[in-house]
């Protein structure tokens, strides 16, 4: 009887661990100006906060293995959504600051944002060369998100 009870307990715990698989992701966040970003909210499903960065912009989070998108939110910075690549467990992200584009058309403001966005991969590479990041290239997918215009 005891052996049967122990067998049920072992099978039960192994089955529950199959359904609650998570992966650990570590990384760092900086701004376009190579400044660290403390207390950035890290979210999944657009509403569930899974962690925050420390004073130096580093983070370590556990997310469900099925989760493919992570969003970073910080005051004064544009929220950043990235799509995870399966084999990547180290994420280093450059966040863009929020700028005011006063006295110009929405189309021109969007062009300026896109121009800044295109420089992010170069900033990532420079951060690697300066020793801020550990990886030379980003191992996630990130797309430009239009704020002002629908068709882009």
Protein backbone atom coordinates (compact mmCIF):
# COMPACT_ATOMS: atom_id res chain seq x y z
CA UNK A 1 0.00 0.00 0.00
CA UNK A 2 2.84 2.41 0.88
CA UNK A 3 4.62 1.64 -2.37
CA UNK A 4 1.45 2.37 -4.32
CA UNK A 5 0.99 5.69 -2.50
CA UNK A 6 4.60 6.70 -3.18
CA UNK A 7 4.16 5.73 -6.83
CA UNK A 8 1.07 7.97 -7.15
CA UNK A 9 2.90 10.88 -5.51
CA UNK A 10 5.90 10.55 -7.84
CA UNK A 11 3.70 10.28 -10.94
CA UNK A 12 1.51 13.19 -9.79
CA UNK A 13 4.44 15.57 -9.23
CA UNK A 14 6.11 14.59 -12.49
CA UNK A 15 2.87 15.18 -14.41
CA UNK A 16 2.34 18.61 -12.82
CA UNK A 17 5.85 19.67 -13.76
CA UNK A 18 5.11 18.78 -17.39
CA UNK A 19 2.24 21.25 -17.48
CA UNK A 20 4.07 24.07 -15.71
CA UNK A 21 7.23 24.24 -17.78
CA UNK A 22 8.95 27.59 -17.79
CA UNK A 23 12.10 28.99 -19.27
CA UNK A 24 14.46 31.44 -17.64
CA UNK A 25 15.49 34.51 -19.57
CA UNK A 26 18.12 36.96 -18.49
CA UNK A 27 19.24 40.18 -20.05
CA UNK A 28 19.75 43.90 -19.89
CA UNK A 29 17.97 47.04 -21.05
CA UNK A 30 19.57 50.33 -22.03
CA UNK A 31 18.43 53.53 -23.71
CA UNK A 32 19.60 54.90 -27.06
CA UNK A 33 22.13 56.97 -25.11
CA UNK A 34 23.70 53.86 -23.48
CA UNK A 35 22.13 54.69 -20.10
CA UNK A 36 20.86 51.87 -17.90
CA UNK A 37 17.13 51.67 -17.27
CA UNK A 38 16.15 50.75 -13.69
CA UNK A 39 12.74 49.38 -12.71
CA UNK A 40 11.49 48.71 -16.26
CA UNK A 41 8.32 46.58 -16.15
CA UNK A 42 8.59 43.32 -18.06
CA UNK A 43 5.22 42.02 -19.22
CA UNK A 44 3.69 39.12 -21.09
CA UNK A 45 0.18 38.99 -22.58
CA UNK A 46 0.17 42.83 -22.46
CA UNK A 47 -1.01 42.82 -18.82
CA UNK A 48 0.89 40.28 -16.71
CA UNK A 49 4.04 41.70 -15.10
CA UNK A 50 6.66 38.98 -14.74
CA UNK A 51 9.53 41.11 -13.47
CA UNK A 52 11.45 44.36 -13.34
CA UNK A 53 14.99 45.37 -14.09
CA UNK A 54 17.41 46.15 -11.27
CA UNK A 55 19.29 49.45 -10.79
CA UNK A 56 21.73 48.55 -13.59
CA UNK A 57 19.10 47.45 -16.10
CA UNK A 58 19.64 43.69 -15.61
CA UNK A 59 16.78 41.24 -15.26
CA UNK A 60 16.11 37.54 -14.72
CA UNK A 61 12.60 36.25 -15.38
CA UNK A 62 10.75 32.96 -15.68
CA UNK A 63 8.07 32.80 -18.34
CA UNK A 64 5.93 29.95 -19.71
CA UNK A 65 7.71 28.02 -22.43
CA UNK A 66 4.81 28.72 -24.79
CA UNK A 67 5.15 32.51 -24.46
CA UNK A 68 6.74 34.12 -27.52
CA UNK A 69 6.30 37.87 -26.89
CA UNK A 70 7.67 40.10 -24.16
CA UNK A 71 6.93 43.78 -23.67
CA UNK A 72 9.09 46.30 -21.81
CA UNK A 73 7.40 49.41 -20.37
CA UNK A 74 9.13 52.41 -18.78
CA UNK A 75 8.17 56.04 -18.21
CA UNK A 76 9.79 58.30 -20.80
CA UNK A 77 10.53 55.42 -23.18
CA UNK A 78 8.46 53.91 -25.96
CA UNK A 79 7.06 50.52 -24.96
CA UNK A 80 9.03 47.81 -26.71
CA UNK A 81 7.63 44.47 -27.87
CA UNK A 82 9.92 41.69 -28.96
CA UNK A 83 9.29 38.22 -30.32
CA UNK A 84 11.48 35.54 -28.79
CA UNK A 85 13.57 33.11 -30.80
CA UNK A 86 13.44 29.52 -29.52
CA UNK A 87 17.14 29.06 -28.74
CA UNK A 88 17.67 32.45 -27.12
CA UNK A 89 17.86 32.78 -23.34
CA UNK A 90 19.83 36.07 -23.16
CA UNK A 91 18.05 39.22 -24.31
CA UNK A 92 19.68 42.62 -24.55
CA UNK A 93 17.40 45.43 -25.70
CA UNK A 94 17.88 49.07 -26.63
CA UNK A 95 14.75 51.11 -25.87
CA UNK A 96 13.86 54.32 -27.72
CA UNK A 97 12.99 57.44 -25.79
CA UNK A 98 9.70 59.26 -26.30
CA UNK A 99 10.28 62.45 -28.22
CA UNK A 100 7.89 65.31 -28.84
CA UNK A 101 7.57 66.08 -32.51
CA UNK A 102 5.91 69.48 -32.25
CA UNK A 103 5.04 71.61 -35.26
CA UNK A 104 5.46 68.89 -37.88
CA UNK A 105 3.18 66.58 -39.76
CA UNK A 106 2.44 63.09 -38.46
CA UNK A 107 4.06 61.62 -41.55
CA UNK A 108 7.31 63.49 -40.89
CA UNK A 109 7.27 62.55 -37.20
CA UNK A 110 6.85 58.90 -38.15
CA UNK A 111 9.76 59.13 -40.61
CA UNK A 112 11.98 60.52 -37.84
CA UNK A 113 10.95 57.71 -35.48
CA UNK A 114 11.65 55.10 -38.16
CA UNK A 115 15.07 56.62 -38.82
CA UNK A 116 15.90 56.32 -35.10
CA UNK A 117 14.53 52.76 -35.06
CA UNK A 118 16.82 51.71 -37.90
CA UNK A 119 19.84 52.80 -35.83
CA UNK A 120 19.00 50.47 -32.93
CA UNK A 121 20.95 47.50 -34.35
CA UNK A 122 24.03 49.72 -34.70
CA UNK A 123 23.57 50.97 -31.12
CA UNK A 124 23.34 47.32 -29.99
CA UNK A 125 26.63 46.56 -31.72
CA UNK A 126 28.28 49.64 -30.16
CA UNK A 127 27.03 48.57 -26.72
CA UNK A 128 28.69 45.20 -27.28
CA UNK A 129 31.96 46.88 -28.26
CA UNK A 130 31.83 49.06 -25.13
CA UNK A 131 31.25 46.02 -22.93
CA UNK A 132 27.69 46.96 -21.97
CA UNK A 133 26.13 43.99 -23.78
CA UNK A 134 27.45 40.43 -23.90
CA UNK A 135 26.08 39.59 -27.36
CA UNK A 136 26.97 41.39 -30.58
CA UNK A 137 23.61 40.83 -32.26
CA UNK A 138 20.09 40.70 -30.94
CA UNK A 139 18.62 37.19 -30.81
CA UNK A 140 14.98 38.22 -31.03
CA UNK A 141 12.67 39.70 -33.64
CA UNK A 142 11.50 43.28 -33.32
CA UNK A 143 9.33 45.20 -35.75
CA UNK A 144 8.75 48.92 -36.11
CA UNK A 145 5.40 49.88 -34.58
CA UNK A 146 3.74 52.95 -36.03
CA UNK A 147 2.38 55.39 -33.46
CA UNK A 148 0.97 58.07 -35.71
CA UNK A 149 -0.01 56.51 -39.03
CA UNK A 150 -2.03 53.45 -39.95
CA UNK A 151 -0.37 52.64 -43.29
CA UNK A 152 3.39 52.19 -42.99
